[in-house]
Amino acid sequence: SLQSHTILLIQPSAKPESRTYSDYETKDECMEGVCKIFEEYLKKSNPSTPSITYDISQLFDYIDNLTDLSCLVQHPKQTSLYEPHNKEWIKENIYIMLRKQAGK
């Protein structure tokens, strides 16, 4: 099912209090959410740059440097179950999503 409720856990630094959760209606919305978090980070890092462009390798470096990034995706048939996924899975799914968007 495409409508898999997804919870994103992000911990940018080693400090436990830097950990935040967000939830999304679908897996793709969650992957877009990760891209948006990265874009916000770029804007903060480059406040004088009017428009931010980046390539996927920069996004993946950012993901690799986070202390923790994982997501829980609702099981399509057993909705009380959430399957955990790691950074590699997230990167793969962002890649697939961006490929699809580029193909539109």
PDB file of N, CA and C in Angstrom:
ATOM      1  N   SER A   1       0.836  -1.199   0.000  1.00  0.00           N
ATOM      2  CA  SER A   1       0.000   0.000   0.000  1.00  0.00           C
ATOM      3  C   SER A   1       0.869   1.246   0.000  1.00  0.00           C
ATOM      4  N   LEU A   2       0.465   2.240  -0.759  1.00  0.00           N
ATOM      5  CA  LEU A   2       1.225   3.488  -0.827  1.00  0.00           C
ATOM      6  C   LEU A   2       0.947   4.352   0.385  1.00  0.00           C
ATOM      7  N   GLN A   3      -0.206   4.143   1.021  1.00  0.00           N
ATOM      8  CA  GLN A   3      -0.592   4.968   2.162  1.00  0.00           C
ATOM      9  C   GLN A   3      -0.037   4.384   3.456  1.00  0.00           C
ATOM     10  N   SER A   4       1.252   4.185   3.533  1.00  0.00           N
ATOM     11  CA  SER A   4       1.813   3.613   4.754  1.00  0.00           C
ATOM     12  C   SER A   4       2.245   4.732   5.682  1.00  0.00           C
ATOM     13  N   HIS A   5       1.531   4.872   6.776  1.00  0.00           N
ATOM     14  CA  HIS A   5       1.891   5.871   7.785  1.00  0.00           C
ATOM     15  C   HIS A   5       3.348   5.650   8.180  1.00  0.00           C
ATOM     16  N   THR A   6       4.134   6.714   8.217  1.00  0.00           N
ATOM     17  CA  THR A   6       5.572   6.596   8.463  1.00  0.00           C
ATOM     18  C   THR A   6       6.003   7.579   9.539  1.00  0.00           C
ATOM     19  N   ILE A   7       6.759   7.083  10.501  1.00  0.00           N
ATOM     20  CA  ILE A   7       7.297   7.923  11.572  1.00  0.00           C
ATOM     21  C   ILE A   7       8.794   8.077  11.335  1.00  0.00           C
ATOM     22  N   LEU A   8       9.245   9.323  11.332  1.00  0.00           N
ATOM     23  CA  LEU A   8      10.659   9.611  11.105  1.00  0.00           C
ATOM     24  C   LEU A   8      11.303  10.005  12.423  1.00  0.00           C
ATOM     25  N   LEU A   9      12.422   9.377  12.715  1.00  0.00           N
ATOM     26  CA  LEU A   9      13.193   9.711  13.909  1.00  0.00           C
ATOM     27  C   LEU A   9      14.505  10.319  13.442  1.00  0.00           C
ATOM     28  N   ILE A  10      14.791  11.515  13.919  1.00  0.00           N
ATOM     29  CA  ILE A  10      16.038  12.159  13.511  1.00  0.00           C
ATOM     30  C   ILE A  10      16.775  12.671  14.736  1.00  0.00           C
ATOM     31  N   GLN A  11      18.051  12.336  14.813  1.00  0.00           N
ATOM     32  CA  GLN A  11      18.897  12.846  15.895  1.00  0.00           C
ATOM     33  C   GLN A  11      20.163  13.419  15.263  1.00  0.00           C
ATOM     34  N   PRO A  12      20.199  14.751  15.080  1.00  0.00           N
ATOM     35  CA  PRO A  12      21.326  15.358  14.367  1.00  0.00           C
ATOM     36  C   PRO A  12      22.663  15.228  15.091  1.00  0.00           C
ATOM     37  N   SER A  13      22.647  15.358  16.422  1.00  0.00           N
ATOM     38  CA  SER A  13      23.915  15.335  17.162  1.00  0.00           C
ATOM     39  C   SER A  13      23.881  14.257  18.239  1.00  0.00           C
ATOM     40  N   ALA A  14      24.998  14.123  18.944  1.00  0.00           N
ATOM     41  CA  ALA A  14      25.083  13.089  19.978  1.00  0.00           C
ATOM     42  C   ALA A  14      24.163  13.375  21.170  1.00  0.00           C
ATOM     43  N   LYS A  15      23.717  14.627  21.300  1.00  0.00           N
ATOM     44  CA  LYS A  15      22.850  14.979  22.431  1.00  0.00           C
ATOM     45  C   LYS A  15      21.477  14.338  22.277  1.00  0.00           C
ATOM     46  N   PRO A  16      21.054  13.548  23.266  1.00  0.00           N
ATOM     47  CA  PRO A  16      19.736  12.904  23.153  1.00  0.00           C
ATOM     48  C   PRO A  16      18.596  13.898  22.962  1.00  0.00           C
ATOM     49  N   GLU A  17      18.749  15.118  23.525  1.00  0.00           N
ATOM     50  CA  GLU A  17      17.656  16.095  23.396  1.00  0.00           C
ATOM     51  C   GLU A  17      17.545  16.679  21.981  1.00  0.00           C
ATOM     52  N   SER A  18      18.506  16.370  21.110  1.00  0.00           N
ATOM     53  CA  SER A  18      18.398  16.834  19.721  1.00  0.00           C
ATOM     54  C   SER A  18      17.481  15.923  18.894  1.00  0.00           C
ATOM     55  N   ARG A  19      17.033  14.843  19.519  1.00  0.00           N
ATOM     56  CA  ARG A  19      16.199  13.860  18.820  1.00  0.00           C
ATOM     57  C   ARG A  19      14.769  14.383  18.632  1.00  0.00           C
ATOM     58  N   THR A  20      14.263  14.279  17.414  1.00  0.00           N
ATOM     59  CA  THR A  20      12.875  14.667  17.168  1.00  0.00           C
ATOM     60  C   THR A  20      12.167  13.598  16.339  1.00  0.00           C
ATOM     61  N   TYR A  21      10.858  13.588  16.455  1.00  0.00           N
ATOM     62  CA  TYR A  21      10.025  12.668  15.683  1.00  0.00           C
ATOM     63  C   TYR A  21       9.099  13.481  14.798  1.00  0.00           C
ATOM     64  N   SER A  22       8.821  12.983  13.623  1.00  0.00           N
ATOM     65  CA  SER A  22       7.790  13.591  12.769  1.00  0.00           C
ATOM     66  C   SER A  22       7.005  12.433  12.180  1.00  0.00           C
ATOM     67  N   ASP A  23       5.746  12.694  11.859  1.00  0.00           N
ATOM     68  CA  ASP A  23       5.058  11.610  11.174  1.00  0.00           C
ATOM     69  C   ASP A  23       4.409  12.087   9.890  1.00  0.00           C
ATOM     70  N   TYR A  24       4.287  11.160   8.964  1.00  0.00           N
ATOM     71  CA  TYR A  24       3.862  11.445   7.598  1.00  0.00           C
ATOM     72  C   TYR A  24       2.805  10.428   7.185  1.00  0.00           C
ATOM     73  N   GLU A  25       1.921  10.868   6.299  1.00  0.00           N
ATOM     74  CA  GLU A  25       0.843   9.989   5.819  1.00  0.00           C
ATOM     75  C   GLU A  25       1.383   8.836   4.978  1.00  0.00           C
ATOM     76  N   THR A  26       2.425   9.113   4.208  1.00  0.00           N
ATOM     77  CA  THR A  26       2.952   8.094   3.303  1.00  0.00           C
ATOM     78  C   THR A  26       4.474   8.046   3.398  1.00  0.00           C
ATOM     79  N   LYS A  27       5.013   6.963   2.883  1.00  0.00           N
ATOM     80  CA  LYS A  27       6.462   6.783   2.868  1.00  0.00           C
ATOM     81  C   LYS A  27       7.138   7.864   2.018  1.00  0.00           C
ATOM     82  N   ASP A  28       6.562   8.161   0.841  1.00  0.00           N
ATOM     83  CA  ASP A  28       7.172   9.177  -0.025  1.00  0.00           C
ATOM     84  C   ASP A  28       7.159  10.559   0.620  1.00  0.00           C
ATOM     85  N   GLU A  29       6.064  10.873   1.345  1.00  0.00           N
ATOM     86  CA  GLU A  29       6.015  12.159   2.049  1.00  0.00           C
ATOM     87  C   GLU A  29       7.133  12.232   3.083  1.00  0.00           C
ATOM     88  N   CYS A  30       7.410  11.109   3.700  1.00  0.00           N
ATOM     89  CA  CYS A  30       8.491  11.054   4.684  1.00  0.00           C
ATOM     90  C   CYS A  30       9.836  11.299   3.998  1.00  0.00           C
ATOM     91  N   MET A  31      10.052  10.678   2.832  1.00  0.00           N
ATOM     92  CA  MET A  31      11.309  10.868   2.102  1.00  0.00           C
ATOM     93  C   MET A  31      11.459  12.333   1.679  1.00  0.00           C
ATOM     94  N   GLU A  32      10.339  12.945   1.265  1.00  0.00           N
ATOM     95  CA  GLU A  32      10.363  14.377   0.941  1.00  0.00           C
ATOM     96  C   GLU A  32      10.685  15.194   2.185  1.00  0.00           C
ATOM     97  N   GLY A  33      10.163  14.737   3.315  1.00  0.00           N
ATOM     98  CA  GLY A  33      10.421  15.404   4.588  1.00  0.00           C
ATOM     99  C   GLY A  33      11.903  15.439   4.915  1.00  0.00           C
ATOM    100  N   VAL A  34      12.593  14.333   4.647  1.00  0.00           N
ATOM    101  CA  VAL A  34      14.041  14.277   4.893  1.00  0.00           C
ATOM    102  C   VAL A  34      14.745  15.301   3.998  1.00  0.00           C
ATOM    103  N   CYS A  35      14.327  15.384   2.730  1.00  0.00           N
ATOM    104  CA  CYS A  35      14.917  16.371   1.812  1.00  0.00           C
ATOM    105  C   CYS A  35      14.683  17.788   2.331  1.00  0.00           C
ATOM    106  N   LYS A  36      13.479  18.055   2.845  1.00  0.00           N
ATOM    107  CA  LYS A  36      13.148  19.398   3.360  1.00  0.00           C
ATOM    108  C   LYS A  36      13.993  19.745   4.587  1.00  0.00           C
ATOM    109  N   ILE A  37      14.212  18.760   5.454  1.00  0.00           N
ATOM    110  CA  ILE A  37      15.051  18.977   6.643  1.00  0.00           C
ATOM    111  C   ILE A  37      16.467  19.361   6.203  1.00  0.00           C
ATOM    112  N   PHE A  38      16.958  18.662   5.174  1.00  0.00           N
ATOM    113  CA  PHE A  38      18.288  18.960   4.642  1.00  0.00           C
ATOM    114  C   PHE A  38      18.320  20.366   4.025  1.00  0.00           C
ATOM    115  N   GLU A  39      17.249  20.722   3.296  1.00  0.00           N
ATOM    116  CA  GLU A  39      17.180  22.054   2.687  1.00  0.00           C
ATOM    117  C   GLU A  39      17.186  23.155   3.755  1.00  0.00           C
ATOM    118  N   GLU A  40      16.456  22.920   4.857  1.00  0.00           N
ATOM    119  CA  GLU A  40      16.452  23.878   5.975  1.00  0.00           C
ATOM    120  C   GLU A  40      17.857  24.034   6.552  1.00  0.00           C
ATOM    121  N   TYR A  41      18.534  22.892   6.685  1.00  0.00           N
ATOM    122  CA  TYR A  41      19.908  22.888   7.198  1.00  0.00           C
ATOM    123  C   TYR A  41      20.817  23.711   6.273  1.00  0.00           C
ATOM    124  N   LEU A  42      20.661  23.525   4.957  1.00  0.00           N
ATOM    125  CA  LEU A  42      21.468  24.284   3.992  1.00  0.00           C
ATOM    126  C   LEU A  42      21.185  25.778   4.092  1.00  0.00           C
ATOM    127  N   LYS A  43      19.900  26.134   4.247  1.00  0.00           N
ATOM    128  CA  LYS A  43      19.533  27.555   4.366  1.00  0.00           C
ATOM    129  C   LYS A  43      20.167  28.176   5.600  1.00  0.00           C
ATOM    130  N   LYS A  44      20.140  27.438   6.708  1.00  0.00           N
ATOM    131  CA  LYS A  44      20.750  27.944   7.948  1.00  0.00           C
ATOM    132  C   LYS A  44      22.258  28.087   7.794  1.00  0.00           C
ATOM    133  N   SER A  45      22.861  27.141   7.074  1.00  0.00           N
ATOM    134  CA  SER A  45      24.321  27.166   6.905  1.00  0.00           C
ATOM    135  C   SER A  45      24.761  28.235   5.914  1.00  0.00           C
ATOM    136  N   ASN A  46      23.875  28.596   4.976  1.00  0.00           N
ATOM    137  CA  ASN A  46      24.213  29.595   3.950  1.00  0.00           C
ATOM    138  C   ASN A  46      23.152  30.688   3.907  1.00  0.00           C
ATOM    139  N   PRO A  47      23.036  31.482   4.985  1.00  0.00           N
ATOM    140  CA  PRO A  47      21.928  32.442   5.058  1.00  0.00           C
ATOM    141  C   PRO A  47      21.947  33.503   3.959  1.00  0.00           C
ATOM    142  N   SER A  48      23.116  33.777   3.387  1.00  0.00           N
ATOM    143  CA  SER A  48      23.185  34.842   2.375  1.00  0.00           C
ATOM    144  C   SER A  48      22.869  34.340   0.963  1.00  0.00           C
ATOM    145  N   THR A  49      22.746  33.023   0.794  1.00  0.00           N
ATOM    146  CA  THR A  49      22.467  32.468  -0.530  1.00  0.00           C
ATOM    147  C   THR A  49      20.956  32.472  -0.785  1.00  0.00           C
ATOM    148  N   PRO A  50      20.505  33.182  -1.843  1.00  0.00           N
ATOM    149  CA  PRO A  50      19.053  33.283  -2.063  1.00  0.00           C
ATOM    150  C   PRO A  50      18.399  31.957  -2.452  1.00  0.00           C
ATOM    151  N   SER A  51      19.033  31.196  -3.331  1.00  0.00           N
ATOM    152  CA  SER A  51      18.419  29.913  -3.681  1.00  0.00           C
ATOM    153  C   SER A  51      19.414  28.788  -3.449  1.00  0.00           C
ATOM    154  N   ILE A  52      18.902  27.720  -2.918  1.00  0.00           N
ATOM    155  CA  ILE A  52      19.751  26.605  -2.505  1.00  0.00           C
ATOM    156  C   ILE A  52      19.636  25.497  -3.549  1.00  0.00           C
ATOM    157  N   THR A  53      20.768  25.067  -4.062  1.00  0.00           N
ATOM    158  CA  THR A  53      20.749  23.877  -4.914  1.00  0.00           C
ATOM    159  C   THR A  53      21.726  22.871  -4.322  1.00  0.00           C
ATOM    160  N   TYR A  54      21.443  21.619  -4.542  1.00  0.00           N
ATOM    161  CA  TYR A  54      22.328  20.577  -4.014  1.00  0.00           C
ATOM    162  C   TYR A  54      22.180  19.335  -4.872  1.00  0.00           C
ATOM    163  N   ASP A  55      23.140  18.454  -4.773  1.00  0.00           N
ATOM    164  CA  ASP A  55      22.963  17.181  -5.466  1.00  0.00           C
ATOM    165  C   ASP A  55      22.810  16.066  -4.438  1.00  0.00           C
ATOM    166  N   ILE A  56      22.443  14.917  -4.936  1.00  0.00           N
ATOM    167  CA  ILE A  56      22.070  13.815  -4.052  1.00  0.00           C
ATOM    168  C   ILE A  56      23.244  13.361  -3.184  1.00  0.00           C
ATOM    169  N   SER A  57      24.477  13.523  -3.692  1.00  0.00           N
ATOM    170  CA  SER A  57      25.621  13.081  -2.878  1.00  0.00           C
ATOM    171  C   SER A  57      25.766  13.937  -1.620  1.00  0.00           C
ATOM    172  N   GLN A  58      25.437  15.237  -1.729  1.00  0.00           N
ATOM    173  CA  GLN A  58      25.480  16.109  -0.541  1.00  0.00           C
ATOM    174  C   GLN A  58      24.405  15.701   0.460  1.00  0.00           C
ATOM    175  N   LEU A  59      23.234  15.375  -0.070  1.00  0.00           N
ATOM    176  CA  LEU A  59      22.134  14.932   0.786  1.00  0.00           C
ATOM    177  C   LEU A  59      22.535  13.651   1.518  1.00  0.00           C
ATOM    178  N   PHE A  60      23.150  12.717   0.790  1.00  0.00           N
ATOM    179  CA  PHE A  60      23.548  11.446   1.400  1.00  0.00           C
ATOM    180  C   PHE A  60      24.660  11.637   2.432  1.00  0.00           C
ATOM    181  N   ASP A  61      25.574  12.569   2.178  1.00  0.00           N
ATOM    182  CA  ASP A  61      26.615  12.873   3.173  1.00  0.00           C
ATOM    183  C   ASP A  61      25.981  13.401   4.453  1.00  0.00           C
ATOM    184  N   TYR A  62      24.993  14.281   4.275  1.00  0.00           N
ATOM    185  CA  TYR A  62      24.277  14.843   5.427  1.00  0.00           C
ATOM    186  C   TYR A  62      23.629  13.721   6.238  1.00  0.00           C
ATOM    187  N   ILE A  63      22.953  12.817   5.537  1.00  0.00           N
ATOM    188  CA  ILE A  63      22.295  11.689   6.214  1.00  0.00           C
ATOM    189  C   ILE A  63      23.328  10.849   6.966  1.00  0.00           C
ATOM    190  N   ASP A  64      24.447  10.562   6.308  1.00  0.00           N
ATOM    191  CA  ASP A  64      25.495   9.748   6.942  1.00  0.00           C
ATOM    192  C   ASP A  64      26.045  10.397   8.203  1.00  0.00           C
ATOM    193  N   ASN A  65      26.073  11.736   8.216  1.00  0.00           N
ATOM    194  CA  ASN A  65      26.646  12.448   9.356  1.00  0.00           C
ATOM    195  C   ASN A  65      25.687  12.645  10.520  1.00  0.00           C
ATOM    196  N   LEU A  66      24.416  12.353  10.320  1.00  0.00           N
ATOM    197  CA  LEU A  66      23.464  12.447  11.435  1.00  0.00           C
ATOM    198  C   LEU A  66      23.767  11.330  12.428  1.00  0.00           C
ATOM    199  N   THR A  67      23.640  11.617  13.714  1.00  0.00           N
ATOM    200  CA  THR A  67      23.851  10.573  14.718  1.00  0.00           C
ATOM    201  C   THR A  67      22.872   9.424  14.492  1.00  0.00           C
ATOM    202  N   ASP A  68      21.613   9.783  14.247  1.00  0.00           N
ATOM    203  CA  ASP A  68      20.622   8.746  13.978  1.00  0.00           C
ATOM    204  C   ASP A  68      19.563   9.270  13.035  1.00  0.00           C
ATOM    205  N   LEU A  69      19.214   8.460  12.079  1.00  0.00           N
ATOM    206  CA  LEU A  69      18.074   8.735  11.212  1.00  0.00           C
ATOM    207  C   LEU A  69      17.459   7.384  10.905  1.00  0.00           C
ATOM    208  N   SER A  70      16.220   7.222  11.295  1.00  0.00           N
ATOM    209  CA  SER A  70      15.560   5.964  10.990  1.00  0.00           C
ATOM    210  C   SER A  70      14.078   6.223  10.830  1.00  0.00           C
ATOM    211  N   CYS A  71      13.384   5.259  10.280  1.00  0.00           N
ATOM    212  CA  CYS A  71      11.946   5.457  10.189  1.00  0.00           C
ATOM    213  C   CYS A  71      11.217   4.157  10.445  1.00  0.00           C
ATOM    214  N   LEU A  72       9.984   4.321  10.870  1.00  0.00           N
ATOM    215  CA  LEU A  72       9.098   3.197  11.147  1.00  0.00           C
ATOM    216  C   LEU A  72       7.952   3.295  10.158  1.00  0.00           C
ATOM    217  N   VAL A  73       7.791   2.255   9.353  1.00  0.00           N
ATOM    218  CA  VAL A  73       6.756   2.271   8.321  1.00  0.00           C
ATOM    219  C   VAL A  73       5.668   1.275   8.692  1.00  0.00           C
ATOM    220  N   GLN A  74       4.440   1.768   8.663  1.00  0.00           N
ATOM    221  CA  GLN A  74       3.300   0.929   9.028  1.00  0.00           C
ATOM    222  C   GLN A  74       3.191  -0.249   8.061  1.00  0.00           C
ATOM    223  N   HIS A  75       2.994  -1.428   8.621  1.00  0.00           N
ATOM    224  CA  HIS A  75       2.820  -2.626   7.810  1.00  0.00           C
ATOM    225  C   HIS A  75       1.494  -2.524   7.056  1.00  0.00           C
ATOM    226  N   PRO A  76       1.507  -2.789   5.727  1.00  0.00           N
ATOM    227  CA  PRO A  76       0.284  -2.591   4.944  1.00  0.00           C
ATOM    228  C   PRO A  76      -0.902  -3.458   5.390  1.00  0.00           C
ATOM    229  N   LYS A  77      -0.624  -4.671   5.875  1.00  0.00           N
ATOM    230  CA  LYS A  77      -1.729  -5.555   6.255  1.00  0.00           C
ATOM    231  C   LYS A  77      -1.988  -5.556   7.756  1.00  0.00           C
ATOM    232  N   GLN A  78      -0.928  -5.550   8.528  1.00  0.00           N
ATOM    233  CA  GLN A  78      -1.096  -5.531   9.991  1.00  0.00           C
ATOM    234  C   GLN A  78      -0.773  -4.127  10.474  1.00  0.00           C
ATOM    235  N   THR A  79      -1.817  -3.294  10.543  1.00  0.00           N
ATOM    236  CA  THR A  79      -1.585  -1.864  10.753  1.00  0.00           C
ATOM    237  C   THR A  79      -1.046  -1.528  12.138  1.00  0.00           C
ATOM    238  N   SER A  80      -1.110  -2.476  13.066  1.00  0.00           N
ATOM    239  CA  SER A  80      -0.536  -2.197  14.391  1.00  0.00           C
ATOM    240  C   SER A  80       0.978  -2.420  14.391  1.00  0.00           C
ATOM    241  N   LEU A  81       1.491  -2.994  13.314  1.00  0.00           N
ATOM    242  CA  LEU A  81       2.928  -3.268  13.213  1.00  0.00           C
ATOM    243  C   LEU A  81       3.643  -2.160  12.442  1.00  0.00           C
ATOM    244  N   TYR A  82       4.793  -1.770  12.952  1.00  0.00           N
ATOM    245  CA  TYR A  82       5.636  -0.809  12.241  1.00  0.00           C
ATOM    246  C   TYR A  82       6.995  -1.448  12.000  1.00  0.00           C
ATOM    247  N   GLU A  83       7.459  -1.371  10.764  1.00  0.00           N
ATOM    248  CA  GLU A  83       8.754  -1.960  10.434  1.00  0.00           C
ATOM    249  C   GLU A  83       9.841  -0.884  10.481  1.00  0.00           C
ATOM    250  N   PRO A  84      10.910  -1.154  11.246  1.00  0.00           N
ATOM    251  CA  PRO A  84      11.989  -0.164  11.337  1.00  0.00           C
ATOM    252  C   PRO A  84      12.915  -0.231  10.117  1.00  0.00           C
ATOM    253  N   HIS A  85      13.394   0.918   9.686  1.00  0.00           N
ATOM    254  CA  HIS A  85      14.332   0.987   8.564  1.00  0.00           C
ATOM    255  C   HIS A  85      15.464   1.947   8.905  1.00  0.00           C
ATOM    256  N   ASN A  86      16.643   1.647   8.351  1.00  0.00           N
ATOM    257  CA  ASN A  86      17.840   2.421   8.692  1.00  0.00           C
ATOM    258  C   ASN A  86      18.187   3.449   7.613  1.00  0.00           C
ATOM    259  N   LYS A  87      19.311   4.108   7.803  1.00  0.00           N
ATOM    260  CA  LYS A  87      19.771   5.151   6.877  1.00  0.00           C
ATOM    261  C   LYS A  87      19.897   4.644   5.441  1.00  0.00           C
ATOM    262  N   GLU A  88      20.438   3.435   5.282  1.00  0.00           N
ATOM    263  CA  GLU A  88      20.652   2.910   3.926  1.00  0.00           C
ATOM    264  C   GLU A  88      19.328   2.779   3.185  1.00  0.00           C
ATOM    265  N   TRP A  89      18.325   2.263   3.902  1.00  0.00           N
ATOM    266  CA  TRP A  89      16.989   2.106   3.316  1.00  0.00           C
ATOM    267  C   TRP A  89      16.413   3.476   2.948  1.00  0.00           C
ATOM    268  N   ILE A  90      16.597   4.447   3.840  1.00  0.00           N
ATOM    269  CA  ILE A  90      16.080   5.800   3.601  1.00  0.00           C
ATOM    270  C   ILE A  90      16.751   6.402   2.360  1.00  0.00           C
ATOM    271  N   LYS A  91      18.073   6.242   2.251  1.00  0.00           N
ATOM    272  CA  LYS A  91      18.793   6.790   1.095  1.00  0.00           C
ATOM    273  C   LYS A  91      18.299   6.146  -0.203  1.00  0.00           C
ATOM    274  N   GLU A  92      18.112   4.832  -0.161  1.00  0.00           N
ATOM    275  CA  GLU A  92      17.637   4.102  -1.337  1.00  0.00           C
ATOM    276  C   GLU A  92      16.255   4.616  -1.765  1.00  0.00           C
ATOM    277  N   ASN A  93      15.375   4.819  -0.783  1.00  0.00           N
ATOM    278  CA  ASN A  93      14.015   5.254  -1.091  1.00  0.00           C
ATOM    279  C   ASN A  93      13.953   6.711  -1.532  1.00  0.00           C
ATOM    280  N   ILE A  94      14.843   7.551  -1.005  1.00  0.00           N
ATOM    281  CA  ILE A  94      14.926   8.937  -1.482  1.00  0.00           C
ATOM    282  C   ILE A  94      15.395   8.930  -2.934  1.00  0.00           C
ATOM    283  N   TYR A  95      16.366   8.098  -3.222  1.00  0.00           N
ATOM    284  CA  TYR A  95      16.901   8.000  -4.582  1.00  0.00           C
ATOM    285  C   TYR A  95      15.795   7.611  -5.559  1.00  0.00           C
ATOM    286  N   ILE A  96      15.022   6.583  -5.191  1.00  0.00           N
ATOM    287  CA  ILE A  96      13.921   6.110  -6.038  1.00  0.00           C
ATOM    288  C   ILE A  96      12.891   7.226  -6.240  1.00  0.00           C
ATOM    289  N   MET A  97      12.556   7.918  -5.146  1.00  0.00           N
ATOM    290  CA  MET A  97      11.560   8.988  -5.214  1.00  0.00           C
ATOM    291  C   MET A  97      12.032  10.129  -6.121  1.00  0.00           C
ATOM    292  N   LEU A  98      13.305  10.530  -5.973  1.00  0.00           N
ATOM    293  CA  LEU A  98      13.838  11.625  -6.785  1.00  0.00           C
ATOM    294  C   LEU A  98      13.919  11.227  -8.261  1.00  0.00           C
ATOM    295  N   ARG A  99      14.228   9.963  -8.519  1.00  0.00           N
ATOM    296  CA  ARG A  99      14.246   9.458  -9.903  1.00  0.00           C
ATOM    297  C   ARG A  99      12.851   9.569 -10.513  1.00  0.00           C
ATOM    298  N   LYS A 100      11.843   9.177  -9.724  1.00  0.00           N
ATOM    299  CA  LYS A 100      10.449   9.245 -10.192  1.00  0.00           C
ATOM    300  C   LYS A 100      10.060  10.683 -10.490  1.00  0.00           C
ATOM    301  N   GLN A 101      10.439  11.604  -9.586  1.00  0.00           N
ATOM    302  CA  GLN A 101      10.095  13.020  -9.763  1.00  0.00           C
ATOM    303  C   GLN A 101      10.784  13.588 -11.005  1.00  0.00           C
ATOM    304  N   ALA A 102      12.028  13.178 -11.222  1.00  0.00           N
ATOM    305  CA  ALA A 102      12.791  13.676 -12.367  1.00  0.00           C
ATOM    306  C   ALA A 102      12.182  13.164 -13.669  1.00  0.00           C
ATOM    307  N   GLY A 103      11.575  11.984 -13.604  1.00  0.00           N
ATOM    308  CA  GLY A 103      10.983  11.377 -14.789  1.00  0.00           C
ATOM    309  C   GLY A 103       9.653  11.990 -15.185  1.00  0.00           C
ATOM    310  N   LYS A 104       9.061  12.773 -14.264  1.00  0.00           N
ATOM    311  CA  LYS A 104       7.741  13.374 -14.547  1.00  0.00           C
ATOM    312  C   LYS A 104       7.829  14.452 -15.616  1.00  0.00           C
TER     313      LYS A 104
END
